[in-house]
Amino acid sequence: MKLWEFIGNSASEIIALSALGLAIWQGVSTRRHNRLAVKPHLDFSSKYSDGETFTLWLKNDGIGPAIVKKYELFLDGVLQPNEGSKLVTETLKKLNTPSVSFGGMALNPNSSLAASTKQQILHYDMENYSKSLRKDFESEFKRIEIVIKYESLYGERFTAKYQFT
């Protein structure tokens, strides 16, 4: 009988504690949902157009914007020293590929890529070159690795990597 007496005498306190527990659970659940609602996801996609043009895209498949913190380009495992668009062009010049039209764009620190958007990172035109030269191009590009470190609006850190295969 003592248990029922305790419950009867403490009903308002039990209800208050239950409501507090429910409110805390709801707050945690809402916070988790909000983090997922702005989570970015950077991914790379590449395309050979008619076997003559190679294009590399960076796309944000996530729900929220990606804030780029670091853009790194490695050649043979060595971090390349330049920044901005010079980083890409100077690295491409170090490859043993024929002189062709190329271009690239590096993302600056604290720049952002909105959800459901993509940005061209690299463009390499191999028009008027034989298939064997294109194979040389492919083997040279395997020496490159791109690493992008980025954050969500909540400061969660992520890394996207691309290795030419």
Protein backbone atom coordinates (compact mmCIF):
# COMPACT_ATOMS: atom_id res chain seq x y z
CA MET A 1 0.00 0.00 0.00
CA LYS A 2 2.84 2.38 0.60
CA LEU A 3 3.69 2.49 -3.13
CA TRP A 4 0.16 3.52 -4.03
CA GLU A 5 0.11 6.11 -1.30
CA PHE A 6 3.41 7.52 -2.57
CA ILE A 7 2.10 7.65 -6.15
CA GLY A 8 -1.12 9.29 -4.99
CA ASN A 9 0.66 11.88 -2.87
CA SER A 10 3.36 12.58 -5.52
CA ALA A 11 1.26 12.51 -8.69
CA SER A 12 1.94 16.13 -9.59
CA GLU A 13 5.71 15.68 -9.12
CA ILE A 14 5.70 12.51 -11.24
CA ILE A 15 3.76 14.27 -13.99
CA ALA A 16 6.15 17.25 -13.87
CA LEU A 17 9.24 15.00 -14.12
CA SER A 18 7.67 13.06 -16.97
CA ALA A 19 6.94 16.31 -18.80
CA LEU A 20 10.53 17.48 -18.21
CA GLY A 21 11.90 14.19 -19.57
CA LEU A 22 9.67 14.43 -22.61
CA ALA A 23 10.75 18.04 -23.25
CA ILE A 24 14.44 17.08 -23.05
CA TRP A 25 13.90 14.16 -25.43
CA GLN A 26 12.01 16.44 -27.86
CA GLY A 27 14.84 19.02 -27.75
CA VAL A 28 17.49 16.40 -28.49
CA SER A 29 15.39 14.96 -31.31
CA THR A 30 14.80 18.42 -32.83
CA ARG A 31 18.50 19.28 -32.65
CA ARG A 32 19.42 16.00 -34.38
CA HIS A 33 16.84 16.71 -37.09
CA ASN A 34 18.12 20.27 -37.60
CA ARG A 35 21.69 19.01 -38.05
CA LEU A 36 20.54 16.55 -40.69
CA ALA A 37 18.48 19.25 -42.40
CA VAL A 38 21.63 21.24 -43.22
CA LYS A 39 24.11 18.41 -43.77
CA PRO A 40 26.14 18.83 -46.97
CA HIS A 41 27.58 15.97 -49.01
CA LEU A 42 30.26 16.80 -51.56
CA ASP A 43 30.95 14.30 -54.30
CA PHE A 44 32.94 14.31 -57.50
CA SER A 45 31.72 13.32 -60.93
CA SER A 46 33.72 13.13 -64.12
CA LYS A 47 32.77 12.88 -67.73
CA TYR A 48 34.48 12.16 -71.02
CA SER A 49 32.58 13.91 -73.80
CA ASP A 50 33.04 12.05 -77.07
CA GLY A 51 36.40 10.87 -75.74
CA GLU A 52 37.83 14.32 -76.41
CA THR A 53 37.05 16.39 -73.36
CA PHE A 54 37.51 15.43 -69.74
CA THR A 55 35.53 17.41 -67.16
CA LEU A 56 35.59 17.01 -63.39
CA TRP A 57 32.70 18.40 -61.36
CA LEU A 58 32.26 18.90 -57.64
CA LYS A 59 28.64 18.63 -56.61
CA ASN A 60 26.81 19.06 -53.35
CA ASP A 61 24.26 16.27 -53.10
CA GLY A 62 23.44 17.17 -49.51
CA ILE A 63 20.58 19.18 -48.11
CA GLY A 64 22.60 22.11 -46.75
CA PRO A 65 25.47 24.26 -48.01
CA ALA A 66 29.07 23.07 -47.78
CA ILE A 67 31.55 25.60 -46.41
CA VAL A 68 34.96 24.83 -47.89
CA LYS A 69 37.76 25.07 -45.35
CA LYS A 70 40.63 23.59 -47.33
CA TYR A 71 41.27 22.64 -50.95
CA GLU A 72 44.34 20.47 -51.40
CA LEU A 73 45.88 19.06 -54.54
CA PHE A 74 48.45 16.27 -54.34
CA LEU A 75 50.77 15.17 -57.13
CA ASP A 76 52.48 11.82 -56.48
CA GLY A 77 51.44 12.14 -52.83
CA VAL A 78 53.08 15.55 -52.41
CA LEU A 79 50.92 18.52 -51.42
CA GLN A 80 51.16 21.24 -54.07
CA PRO A 81 52.11 24.68 -52.72
CA ASN A 82 49.99 27.17 -54.70
CA GLU A 83 46.51 28.47 -53.94
CA GLY A 84 43.44 29.41 -55.96
CA SER A 85 43.31 28.82 -59.70
CA LYS A 86 47.11 28.85 -59.81
CA LEU A 87 47.09 25.65 -57.75
CA VAL A 88 45.29 23.75 -60.49
CA THR A 89 47.09 25.24 -63.51
CA GLU A 90 50.58 24.90 -62.01
CA THR A 91 49.91 21.29 -61.03
CA LEU A 92 48.58 20.42 -64.50
CA LYS A 93 51.73 21.89 -66.06
CA LYS A 94 53.80 19.34 -64.10
CA LEU A 95 52.06 16.42 -65.81
CA ASN A 96 53.71 14.74 -68.78
CA THR A 97 50.82 15.38 -71.12
CA PRO A 98 50.69 17.01 -74.52
CA SER A 99 50.07 20.71 -74.63
CA VAL A 100 46.32 20.91 -74.78
CA SER A 101 43.67 23.34 -73.68
CA PHE A 102 42.94 22.96 -69.99
CA GLY A 103 41.53 24.91 -67.12
CA GLY A 104 40.68 24.47 -63.54
CA MET A 105 39.24 26.15 -60.54
CA ALA A 106 40.14 25.77 -56.91
CA LEU A 107 37.69 26.65 -54.18
CA ASN A 108 38.81 29.39 -51.83
CA PRO A 109 38.67 28.90 -48.06
CA ASN A 110 35.30 29.85 -46.55
CA SER A 111 33.59 29.76 -49.93
CA SER A 112 30.42 27.74 -50.01
CA LEU A 113 28.70 25.41 -52.39
CA ALA A 114 24.93 25.52 -52.08
CA ALA A 115 22.86 22.37 -51.87
CA SER A 116 21.98 20.74 -55.21
CA THR A 117 24.62 22.67 -57.14
CA LYS A 118 27.78 21.69 -58.93
CA GLN A 119 30.94 23.48 -59.92
CA GLN A 120 33.44 22.62 -62.61
CA ILE A 121 36.81 21.88 -61.04
CA LEU A 122 38.79 20.76 -64.09
CA HIS A 123 38.46 20.82 -67.85
CA TYR A 124 40.94 19.16 -70.17
CA ASP A 125 40.43 19.26 -73.94
CA MET A 126 42.06 16.41 -75.88
CA GLU A 127 40.51 17.13 -79.24
CA ASN A 128 42.65 16.10 -82.23
CA TYR A 129 44.72 13.64 -80.19
CA SER A 130 45.05 9.92 -80.82
CA LYS A 131 43.73 7.23 -78.50
CA SER A 132 47.26 6.41 -77.34
CA LEU A 133 47.80 10.02 -76.24
CA ARG A 134 44.51 9.89 -74.39
CA LYS A 135 45.72 6.78 -72.56
CA ASP A 136 48.88 8.70 -71.62
CA PHE A 137 46.65 11.47 -70.30
CA GLU A 138 44.69 9.00 -68.17
CA SER A 139 47.83 7.45 -66.69
CA GLU A 140 49.27 10.89 -65.87
CA PHE A 141 46.08 12.00 -64.14
CA LYS A 142 46.26 8.98 -61.84
CA ARG A 143 49.12 10.85 -60.16
CA ILE A 144 46.68 13.49 -58.88
CA GLU A 145 44.53 13.40 -55.76
CA ILE A 146 42.14 16.17 -54.71
CA VAL A 147 41.13 16.58 -51.07
CA ILE A 148 38.47 19.05 -49.97
CA LYS A 149 37.78 19.63 -46.29
CA TYR A 150 34.44 21.26 -45.60
CA GLU A 151 31.91 21.94 -42.86
CA SER A 152 28.17 22.14 -42.35
CA LEU A 153 26.49 25.23 -40.91
CA TYR A 154 26.77 23.53 -37.51
CA GLY A 155 30.55 23.18 -37.86
CA GLU A 156 30.53 19.42 -38.46
CA ARG A 157 33.64 18.52 -40.45
CA PHE A 158 33.76 16.34 -43.55
CA THR A 159 36.30 15.38 -46.21
CA ALA A 160 35.77 14.67 -49.90
CA LYS A 161 38.55 12.94 -51.86
CA TYR A 162 39.00 12.28 -55.55
CA GLN A 163 41.63 9.99 -57.00
CA PHE A 164 41.69 9.59 -60.76
CA THR A 165 41.15 5.95 -61.66
